[in-house]
N, C-alpha and C. Protein backbone atom coordinates (compact mmCIF):
# COMPACT_ATOMS: atom_id res chain seq x y z
N MET A 1 39.49 -42.53 -29.16
CA MET A 1 40.51 -43.53 -28.84
C MET A 1 41.65 -43.51 -29.86
N GLN A 2 41.30 -43.30 -31.11
CA GLN A 2 42.31 -43.32 -32.17
C GLN A 2 43.33 -42.20 -31.96
N PHE A 3 42.85 -41.02 -31.57
CA PHE A 3 43.76 -39.90 -31.34
C PHE A 3 44.74 -40.22 -30.22
N THR A 4 44.24 -40.84 -29.17
CA THR A 4 45.09 -41.21 -28.04
C THR A 4 46.15 -42.22 -28.48
N LYS A 5 45.75 -43.16 -29.31
CA LYS A 5 46.66 -44.19 -29.79
C LYS A 5 47.78 -43.56 -30.63
N ILE A 6 47.41 -42.64 -31.52
CA ILE A 6 48.39 -41.95 -32.36
C ILE A 6 49.31 -41.09 -31.49
N ASN A 7 48.71 -40.41 -30.51
CA ASN A 7 49.49 -39.54 -29.64
C ASN A 7 50.52 -40.34 -28.85
N LYS A 8 50.13 -41.52 -28.38
CA LYS A 8 51.06 -42.38 -27.65
C LYS A 8 52.19 -42.83 -28.56
N SER A 9 51.84 -43.15 -29.81
CA SER A 9 52.84 -43.60 -30.76
C SER A 9 53.85 -42.49 -31.05
N ARG A 10 53.34 -41.28 -31.24
CA ARG A 10 54.22 -40.13 -31.48
C ARG A 10 55.11 -39.87 -30.27
N HIS A 11 54.52 -39.98 -29.08
CA HIS A 11 55.27 -39.74 -27.85
C HIS A 11 56.40 -40.76 -27.71
N ALA A 12 56.09 -42.02 -28.03
CA ALA A 12 57.10 -43.08 -27.95
C ALA A 12 58.24 -42.81 -28.93
N THR A 13 57.89 -42.37 -30.14
CA THR A 13 58.89 -42.04 -31.15
C THR A 13 59.74 -40.86 -30.70
N TYR A 14 59.10 -39.85 -30.11
CA TYR A 14 59.80 -38.67 -29.61
C TYR A 14 60.78 -39.04 -28.50
N VAL A 15 60.30 -39.87 -27.57
CA VAL A 15 61.15 -40.30 -26.46
C VAL A 15 62.34 -41.10 -26.97
N LEU A 16 62.08 -41.98 -27.94
CA LEU A 16 63.15 -42.79 -28.52
C LEU A 16 64.18 -41.90 -29.21
N HIS A 17 63.73 -40.90 -29.95
CA HIS A 17 64.62 -39.98 -30.64
C HIS A 17 65.49 -39.21 -29.66
N VAL A 18 64.85 -38.68 -28.61
CA VAL A 18 65.58 -37.92 -27.59
C VAL A 18 66.60 -38.83 -26.91
N HIS A 19 66.21 -40.07 -26.66
CA HIS A 19 67.11 -41.02 -26.01
C HIS A 19 68.34 -41.29 -26.89
N LEU A 20 68.12 -41.47 -28.19
CA LEU A 20 69.22 -41.72 -29.12
C LEU A 20 70.15 -40.51 -29.19
N VAL A 21 69.57 -39.31 -29.24
CA VAL A 21 70.38 -38.09 -29.29
C VAL A 21 71.20 -37.95 -28.01
N PHE A 22 70.57 -38.24 -26.88
CA PHE A 22 71.27 -38.15 -25.60
C PHE A 22 72.43 -39.14 -25.53
N ILE A 23 72.17 -40.37 -25.97
CA ILE A 23 73.21 -41.40 -25.96
C ILE A 23 74.37 -40.99 -26.88
N THR A 24 74.03 -40.46 -28.06
CA THR A 24 75.05 -40.03 -29.01
C THR A 24 75.92 -38.92 -28.42
N LYS A 25 75.29 -37.93 -27.82
CA LYS A 25 76.03 -36.82 -27.22
C LYS A 25 76.86 -37.29 -26.03
N TYR A 26 76.31 -38.26 -25.28
CA TYR A 26 77.00 -38.76 -24.09
C TYR A 26 78.24 -39.56 -24.48
N ARG A 27 78.12 -40.34 -25.56
CA ARG A 27 79.22 -41.20 -26.00
C ARG A 27 80.22 -40.45 -26.88
N LYS A 28 79.83 -39.30 -27.39
CA LYS A 28 80.67 -38.54 -28.31
C LYS A 28 82.08 -38.27 -27.76
N PRO A 29 82.21 -37.79 -26.52
CA PRO A 29 83.56 -37.53 -25.99
C PRO A 29 84.40 -38.80 -25.88
N ILE A 30 83.74 -39.94 -25.72
CA ILE A 30 84.45 -41.21 -25.55
C ILE A 30 84.94 -41.74 -26.90
N LEU A 31 84.04 -41.76 -27.87
CA LEU A 31 84.36 -42.32 -29.18
C LEU A 31 85.12 -41.34 -30.06
N GLY A 32 84.78 -40.06 -29.93
CA GLY A 32 85.48 -39.05 -30.71
C GLY A 32 85.22 -39.17 -32.20
N ASP A 33 86.27 -39.07 -33.00
CA ASP A 33 86.14 -39.11 -34.46
C ASP A 33 85.72 -40.48 -34.97
N LEU A 34 85.93 -41.52 -34.20
CA LEU A 34 85.56 -42.86 -34.62
C LEU A 34 84.07 -42.97 -34.88
N HIS A 35 83.29 -42.28 -34.05
CA HIS A 35 81.83 -42.30 -34.19
C HIS A 35 81.41 -41.58 -35.47
N HIS A 36 82.07 -40.48 -35.79
CA HIS A 36 81.71 -39.70 -36.97
C HIS A 36 82.13 -40.41 -38.26
N ALA A 37 83.15 -41.23 -38.17
CA ALA A 37 83.65 -41.92 -39.36
C ALA A 37 82.67 -42.97 -39.85
N SER A 38 81.95 -43.60 -38.93
CA SER A 38 81.03 -44.67 -39.31
C SER A 38 79.70 -44.15 -39.79
């Protein structure tokens, strides 16, 4: 059970990371240099 719990936690972290990267890439053309400045 512990392995499954850890695996789910890692999967959730991976999904969250991919989601953040996707959002960043998607918003990049809109925000432009303003995003990189912050």
